[in-house]
Amino acid sequence: MKDIDSLKAKFTNSDWKTLLKVTNELVLIGDDDVVSFFIGKLASKSSDIRNAAALGLRDIGDERAVSD
Protein backbone atom coordinates (compact mmCIF):
# COMPACT_ATOMS: atom_id res chain seq x y z
CA MET A 1 0.00 0.00 0.00
CA LYS A 2 1.25 3.45 -0.86
CA ASP A 3 2.08 5.85 1.89
CA ILE A 4 -1.06 7.85 2.69
CA ASP A 5 0.93 11.06 3.21
CA SER A 6 2.40 10.87 -0.28
CA LEU A 7 -1.08 10.26 -1.70
CA LYS A 8 -2.39 13.31 0.15
CA ALA A 9 0.47 15.41 -1.25
CA LYS A 10 -0.27 14.18 -4.77
CA PHE A 11 -3.97 14.91 -4.24
CA THR A 12 -3.33 18.60 -3.70
CA ASN A 13 -0.68 18.97 -6.41
CA SER A 14 -1.99 17.09 -9.43
CA ASP A 15 -3.69 17.54 -12.75
CA TRP A 16 -7.28 16.22 -13.04
CA LYS A 17 -6.33 12.80 -14.42
CA THR A 18 -3.79 12.16 -11.66
CA LEU A 19 -6.15 13.63 -9.10
CA LEU A 20 -8.82 11.07 -9.98
CA LYS A 21 -6.30 8.22 -9.78
CA VAL A 22 -5.09 9.37 -6.37
CA THR A 23 -8.71 9.82 -5.22
CA ASN A 24 -9.42 6.21 -6.15
CA GLU A 25 -6.35 5.01 -4.25
CA LEU A 26 -7.44 6.96 -1.17
CA VAL A 27 -10.98 5.55 -1.49
CA LEU A 28 -9.53 2.04 -1.37
CA ILE A 29 -7.91 2.92 1.97
CA GLY A 30 -11.17 4.55 3.07
CA ASP A 31 -10.34 4.93 6.76
CA ASP A 32 -11.37 7.78 9.08
CA ASP A 33 -8.23 9.73 8.19
CA VAL A 34 -9.11 9.65 4.49
CA VAL A 35 -12.72 10.69 5.15
CA SER A 36 -11.55 13.62 7.29
CA PHE A 37 -9.02 14.57 4.62
CA PHE A 38 -11.70 14.61 1.90
CA ILE A 39 -14.11 16.59 4.10
CA GLY A 40 -11.39 19.18 4.70
CA LYS A 41 -10.75 19.48 0.96
CA LEU A 42 -14.38 20.41 0.27
CA ALA A 43 -13.41 23.97 1.29
CA SER A 44 -10.54 24.17 -1.21
CA LYS A 45 -10.32 27.14 -3.58
CA SER A 46 -9.69 24.65 -6.40
CA SER A 47 -12.84 23.29 -8.01
CA ASP A 48 -10.92 20.19 -9.16
CA ILE A 49 -9.89 19.40 -5.59
CA ARG A 50 -13.41 20.04 -4.26
CA ASN A 51 -14.92 17.84 -6.96
CA ALA A 52 -12.43 15.02 -6.42
CA ALA A 53 -13.02 15.14 -2.66
CA ALA A 54 -16.78 14.97 -3.21
CA LEU A 55 -16.37 12.00 -5.54
CA GLY A 56 -14.15 10.28 -2.99
CA LEU A 57 -16.69 10.82 -0.22
CA ARG A 58 -19.47 9.57 -2.48
CA ASP A 59 -17.53 6.41 -3.25
CA ILE A 60 -16.68 5.77 0.41
CA GLY A 61 -20.29 6.46 1.39
CA ASP A 62 -19.55 7.89 4.83
CA GLU A 63 -22.54 9.74 6.33
CA ARG A 64 -20.29 12.30 8.06
CA ALA A 65 -19.87 14.01 4.71
CA VAL A 66 -23.54 15.03 4.67
CA SER A 67 -24.66 17.89 6.86
CA ASP A 68 -28.26 18.37 7.96
C-alpha atoms as a PDB file:
ATOM      1  CA  MET A   1       0.000   0.000   0.000  1.00  0.00           C
ATOM      2  CA  LYS A   2       1.249   3.451  -0.862  1.00  0.00           C
ATOM      3  CA  ASP A   3       2.084   5.846   1.893  1.00  0.00           C
ATOM      4  CA  ILE A   4      -1.056   7.852   2.692  1.00  0.00           C
ATOM      5  CA  ASP A   5       0.931  11.062   3.212  1.00  0.00           C
ATOM      6  CA  SER A   6       2.404  10.868  -0.280  1.00  0.00           C
ATOM      7  CA  LEU A   7      -1.077  10.258  -1.705  1.00  0.00           C
ATOM      8  CA  LYS A   8      -2.387  13.307   0.145  1.00  0.00           C
ATOM      9  CA  ALA A   9       0.465  15.409  -1.252  1.00  0.00           C
ATOM     10  CA  LYS A  10      -0.274  14.185  -4.772  1.00  0.00           C
ATOM     11  CA  PHE A  11      -3.969  14.911  -4.244  1.00  0.00           C
ATOM     12  CA  THR A  12      -3.332  18.599  -3.696  1.00  0.00           C
ATOM     13  CA  ASN A  13      -0.684  18.971  -6.411  1.00  0.00           C
ATOM     14  CA  SER A  14      -1.991  17.090  -9.430  1.00  0.00           C
ATOM     15  CA  ASP A  15      -3.687  17.536 -12.754  1.00  0.00           C
ATOM     16  CA  TRP A  16      -7.276  16.218 -13.041  1.00  0.00           C
ATOM     17  CA  LYS A  17      -6.329  12.795 -14.424  1.00  0.00           C
ATOM     18  CA  THR A  18      -3.793  12.159 -11.665  1.00  0.00           C
ATOM     19  CA  LEU A  19      -6.151  13.632  -9.095  1.00  0.00           C
ATOM     20  CA  LEU A  20      -8.818  11.067  -9.985  1.00  0.00           C
ATOM     21  CA  LYS A  21      -6.301   8.224  -9.784  1.00  0.00           C
ATOM     22  CA  VAL A  22      -5.094   9.369  -6.366  1.00  0.00           C
ATOM     23  CA  THR A  23      -8.705   9.819  -5.224  1.00  0.00           C
ATOM     24  CA  ASN A  24      -9.419   6.208  -6.154  1.00  0.00           C
ATOM     25  CA  GLU A  25      -6.346   5.013  -4.252  1.00  0.00           C
ATOM     26  CA  LEU A  26      -7.439   6.961  -1.166  1.00  0.00           C
ATOM     27  CA  VAL A  27     -10.979   5.551  -1.489  1.00  0.00           C
ATOM     28  CA  LEU A  28      -9.527   2.043  -1.368  1.00  0.00           C
ATOM     29  CA  ILE A  29      -7.911   2.922   1.973  1.00  0.00           C
ATOM     30  CA  GLY A  30     -11.174   4.553   3.072  1.00  0.00           C
ATOM     31  CA  ASP A  31     -10.345   4.930   6.758  1.00  0.00           C
ATOM     32  CA  ASP A  32     -11.368   7.783   9.083  1.00  0.00           C
ATOM     33  CA  ASP A  33      -8.228   9.731   8.191  1.00  0.00           C
ATOM     34  CA  VAL A  34      -9.115   9.649   4.491  1.00  0.00           C
ATOM     35  CA  VAL A  35     -12.720  10.689   5.154  1.00  0.00           C
ATOM     36  CA  SER A  36     -11.551  13.617   7.295  1.00  0.00           C
ATOM     37  CA  PHE A  37      -9.019  14.574   4.616  1.00  0.00           C
ATOM     38  CA  PHE A  38     -11.698  14.609   1.902  1.00  0.00           C
ATOM     39  CA  ILE A  39     -14.109  16.595   4.095  1.00  0.00           C
ATOM     40  CA  GLY A  40     -11.392  19.184   4.699  1.00  0.00           C
ATOM     41  CA  LYS A  41     -10.749  19.478   0.962  1.00  0.00           C
ATOM     42  CA  LEU A  42     -14.382  20.415   0.271  1.00  0.00           C
ATOM     43  CA  ALA A  43     -13.415  23.970   1.289  1.00  0.00           C
ATOM     44  CA  SER A  44     -10.542  24.172  -1.211  1.00  0.00           C
ATOM     45  CA  LYS A  45     -10.323  27.136  -3.580  1.00  0.00           C
ATOM     46  CA  SER A  46      -9.685  24.653  -6.399  1.00  0.00           C
ATOM     47  CA  SER A  47     -12.845  23.291  -8.006  1.00  0.00           C
ATOM     48  CA  ASP A  48     -10.916  20.195  -9.160  1.00  0.00           C
ATOM     49  CA  ILE A  49      -9.886  19.398  -5.589  1.00  0.00           C
ATOM     50  CA  ARG A  50     -13.410  20.036  -4.258  1.00  0.00           C
ATOM     51  CA  ASN A  51     -14.924  17.836  -6.957  1.00  0.00           C
ATOM     52  CA  ALA A  52     -12.432  15.017  -6.422  1.00  0.00           C
ATOM     53  CA  ALA A  53     -13.018  15.140  -2.657  1.00  0.00           C
ATOM     54  CA  ALA A  54     -16.783  14.970  -3.211  1.00  0.00           C
ATOM     55  CA  LEU A  55     -16.366  12.002  -5.542  1.00  0.00           C
ATOM     56  CA  GLY A  56     -14.152  10.275  -2.991  1.00  0.00           C
ATOM     57  CA  LEU A  57     -16.687  10.818  -0.222  1.00  0.00           C
ATOM     58  CA  ARG A  58     -19.474   9.567  -2.478  1.00  0.00           C
ATOM     59  CA  ASP A  59     -17.531   6.409  -3.251  1.00  0.00           C
ATOM     60  CA  ILE A  60     -16.683   5.774   0.406  1.00  0.00           C
ATOM     61  CA  GLY A  61     -20.287   6.465   1.386  1.00  0.00           C
ATOM     62  CA  ASP A  62     -19.549   7.886   4.834  1.00  0.00           C
ATOM     63  CA  GLU A  63     -22.541   9.736   6.326  1.00  0.00           C
ATOM     64  CA  ARG A  64     -20.291  12.299   8.062  1.00  0.00           C
ATOM     65  CA  ALA A  65     -19.873  14.015   4.711  1.00  0.00           C
ATOM     66  CA  VAL A  66     -23.541  15.029   4.671  1.00  0.00           C
ATOM     67  CA  SER A  67     -24.657  17.890   6.864  1.00  0.00           C
ATOM     68  CA  ASP A  68     -28.258  18.375   7.964  1.00  0.00           C
END
